Structure formats: C-alpha cells, structure tokens
C-alpha cells in the first residue's frame, strides 16, 4: 500500500499519504472507516463523510505524543496501485451487512422486551391494593435476579 512520507514540520506534524480501505464494523458494532498508514498498520476511525475506497489521502500526523493524532484526510485524486479494489469493496459490503444485522437485532430485542411485558402489564392492571402491586413487583424482580446468578 502507499508508503509516501515526508519530513516533519515545525508544528510536530508530518505529511503522510494514507490509503482508505473502506467501511468496517468497529467496536460495539459501530461503523468505522479503515485507514492504512505508510507502515501498513490499519487504523479504525469513526470519521464522518464519504471516501473513495482504495484512494490515497494526504494527512498530517503527529506521532510525538502517546497517541497518534491525524488531521482530516484530503483526497489526492489517485487510487493506490497496491490494493485489490474488489476485495476492499467486498469487505466494506460485508461490514455494512453486519452493521445492518446488528441494528436490526437491537431493534428486535427492544421490541421483544415490550412484547414480553404485555401479559405482566395486564396482570398488574388488575391489581387494586398497594400490597398486591408491591408483591408482584418484588416477585418479578426476584425472578429476574435469579437468572443473573
């Protein structure tokens, strides 16, 4: 992949050319953008915007602190000759499918919880005394807690 790197400026940043590798499913099912630095190391960023898969981007990088700091990437108008665009597109597509599935599962999980509560809410609605309501709440809480052990 791209290995262009130039000297360091007075502000601690050095100019580098990074390759955009596409969308990935990052930590906790978040959409991330994969970027490859000149050394070949891949970084995941939660960038906003859209980028050209396989494209070369100019970035300024500060490697003097414990953490790598990078400026916003600027497209150079070139595609890296070192990438397999078909493979990168397939990986991005797989990540999009995975992210959509995870989002659907989160929505379905929330819906199923509401559906599961319906019979309990029907029972609770028929209770009249505070003691009966407290007893039902305590019973449900104990049953839920017993599954955590």
Protein backbone atom coordinates (compact mmCIF):
# COMPACT_ATOMS: atom_id res chain seq x y z
CA UNK A 1 0.00 0.00 0.00
CA UNK A 2 1.12 3.62 -0.09
CA UNK A 3 4.39 4.37 1.65
CA UNK A 4 4.76 8.08 0.94
CA UNK A 5 6.03 10.01 3.93
CA UNK A 6 7.82 13.33 4.16
CA UNK A 7 9.72 15.21 6.83
CA UNK A 8 8.29 16.71 9.98
CA UNK A 9 7.04 20.27 10.08
CA UNK A 10 7.66 22.74 12.87
CA UNK A 11 4.20 22.07 14.33
CA UNK A 12 5.07 18.42 15.12
CA UNK A 13 3.01 17.11 12.22
CA UNK A 14 4.49 15.19 9.31
CA UNK A 15 2.80 14.81 5.93
CA UNK A 16 1.87 11.25 5.02
CA UNK A 17 -0.21 9.52 2.40
CA UNK A 18 -2.72 7.03 3.78
CA UNK A 19 -4.94 4.59 1.89
CA UNK A 20 -8.67 4.40 2.58
CA UNK A 21 -9.69 0.74 2.93
CA UNK A 22 -13.45 1.16 3.34
CA UNK A 23 -16.13 0.59 5.97
CA UNK A 24 -15.58 -1.83 8.84
CA UNK A 25 -17.66 -2.93 11.81
CA UNK A 26 -15.76 -1.41 14.71
CA UNK A 27 -16.05 -1.89 18.43
CA UNK A 28 -19.55 -2.40 19.81
CA UNK A 29 -20.99 -2.64 16.31
CA UNK A 30 -20.17 0.91 15.35
CA UNK A 31 -19.47 1.94 11.79
CA UNK A 32 -15.79 2.71 11.34
CA UNK A 33 -13.56 3.74 8.46
CA UNK A 34 -10.39 1.72 7.90
CA UNK A 35 -7.24 3.66 7.04
CA UNK A 36 -3.81 2.22 6.28
CA UNK A 37 -0.76 4.25 7.17
CA UNK A 38 2.52 4.01 5.22
CA UNK A 39 3.93 1.31 7.54
CA UNK A 40 0.98 -0.94 6.71
CA UNK A 41 -0.75 -0.57 10.07
CA UNK A 42 -4.52 -0.22 9.82
CA UNK A 43 -6.41 2.26 11.97
CA UNK A 44 -10.18 2.44 12.50
CA UNK A 45 -11.71 5.90 12.81
CA UNK A 46 -15.30 7.00 13.37
CA UNK A 47 -14.94 9.63 10.65
CA UNK A 48 -17.88 11.37 9.11
CA UNK A 49 -18.08 11.77 5.38
CA UNK A 50 -17.57 9.53 2.41
CA UNK A 51 -14.30 8.45 0.91
CA UNK A 52 -13.03 6.68 -2.21
CA UNK A 53 -12.23 3.05 -1.44
CA UNK A 54 -8.60 2.42 -2.31
CA UNK A 55 -8.00 6.15 -2.61
CA UNK A 56 -4.84 7.86 -1.48
CA UNK A 57 -5.32 10.65 1.05
CA UNK A 58 -2.93 13.29 2.33
CA UNK A 59 -2.94 13.58 6.10
CA UNK A 60 -0.79 15.31 8.65
CA UNK A 61 0.19 13.08 11.53
CA UNK A 62 1.65 13.86 14.94
CA UNK A 63 3.47 10.87 16.41
CA UNK A 64 5.25 12.75 19.20
CA UNK A 65 2.65 12.08 21.90
CA UNK A 66 1.47 8.73 23.31
CA UNK A 67 -1.43 8.76 20.87
CA UNK A 68 -1.30 9.23 17.12
CA UNK A 69 -3.02 12.46 16.08
CA UNK A 70 -4.20 12.81 12.50
CA UNK A 71 -5.73 15.71 10.60
CA UNK A 72 -8.71 15.36 8.27
CA UNK A 73 -7.76 13.38 5.16
CA UNK A 74 -7.68 15.15 1.79
CA UNK A 75 -8.17 13.07 -1.36
CA UNK A 76 -5.20 13.19 -3.73
CA UNK A 77 -7.25 12.10 -6.73
CA UNK A 78 -5.31 8.84 -7.02
CA UNK A 79 -6.06 5.19 -6.31
CA UNK A 80 -3.40 3.09 -4.64
CA UNK A 81 -1.83 0.65 -7.09
CA UNK A 82 -1.18 -1.72 -4.18
CA UNK A 83 -4.79 -2.55 -3.31
CA UNK A 84 -7.28 -5.10 -4.59
CA UNK A 85 -10.39 -2.95 -5.05
CA UNK A 86 -12.68 -5.96 -5.38
CA UNK A 87 -11.51 -7.32 -2.05
CA UNK A 88 -11.86 -3.94 -0.32
CA UNK A 89 -15.37 -3.47 -1.71
CA UNK A 90 -16.33 -6.99 -0.55
CA UNK A 91 -15.03 -6.27 2.95
CA UNK A 92 -16.96 -2.99 3.05
CA UNK A 93 -20.13 -4.71 1.85
CA UNK A 94 -19.74 -7.44 4.48
CA UNK A 95 -19.27 -4.78 7.17
CA UNK A 96 -22.40 -2.90 6.03
CA UNK A 97 -24.41 -6.14 6.13
CA UNK A 98 -23.10 -6.93 9.62
CA UNK A 99 -23.87 -3.42 10.88
CA UNK A 100 -27.40 -3.60 9.45
CA UNK A 101 -27.93 -7.00 11.10
CA UNK A 102 -26.71 -5.70 14.47
CA UNK A 103 -29.00 -2.67 14.22
CA UNK A 104 -31.95 -4.91 13.32
CA UNK A 105 -31.17 -7.21 16.26
CA UNK A 106 -31.07 -4.22 18.62
CA UNK A 107 -34.45 -3.03 17.34
CA UNK A 108 -35.93 -6.53 17.51
CA UNK A 109 -34.57 -7.02 21.02
CA UNK A 110 -36.23 -3.84 22.23
CA UNK A 111 -39.50 -4.81 20.57
CA UNK A 112 -39.42 -8.33 22.00
CA UNK A 113 -38.92 -6.94 25.51
CA UNK A 114 -42.04 -4.80 25.13
CA UNK A 115 -43.99 -7.79 23.81
CA UNK A 116 -42.83 -9.93 26.71
CA UNK A 117 -44.08 -7.35 29.22
CA UNK A 118 -47.63 -7.23 27.83
CA UNK A 119 -49.02 -10.19 29.85
CA UNK A 120 -47.37 -8.89 33.02
CA UNK A 121 -48.84 -5.42 32.46
CA UNK A 122 -52.29 -6.97 32.01
CA UNK A 123 -51.94 -8.70 35.38
CA UNK A 124 -50.60 -5.55 37.06
CA UNK A 125 -53.51 -3.51 35.72
CA UNK A 126 -55.99 -5.71 37.58
CA UNK A 127 -54.32 -5.25 40.98
CA UNK A 128 -56.01 -2.79 43.31
CA UNK A 129 -54.09 -2.66 46.58
CA UNK A 130 -50.59 -1.28 47.07
CA UNK A 131 -49.60 -4.50 48.87
CA UNK A 132 -50.61 -6.61 45.85
CA UNK A 133 -48.71 -4.30 43.48
CA UNK A 134 -45.61 -4.35 45.69
CA UNK A 135 -45.79 -8.14 45.96
CA UNK A 136 -45.96 -8.53 42.17
CA UNK A 137 -43.02 -6.14 41.65
CA UNK A 138 -40.94 -7.96 44.27
CA UNK A 139 -41.79 -11.36 42.76
CA UNK A 140 -40.81 -10.25 39.24
CA UNK A 141 -37.59 -8.64 40.47
CA UNK A 142 -36.60 -11.78 42.42
CA UNK A 143 -37.24 -13.98 39.36
CA UNK A 144 -35.15 -11.73 37.12
CA UNK A 145 -32.32 -11.57 39.63
CA UNK A 146 -32.28 -15.36 39.97
CA UNK A 147 -31.41 -15.68 36.27
CA UNK A 148 -28.32 -13.48 36.80
CA UNK A 149 -26.72 -15.99 39.17
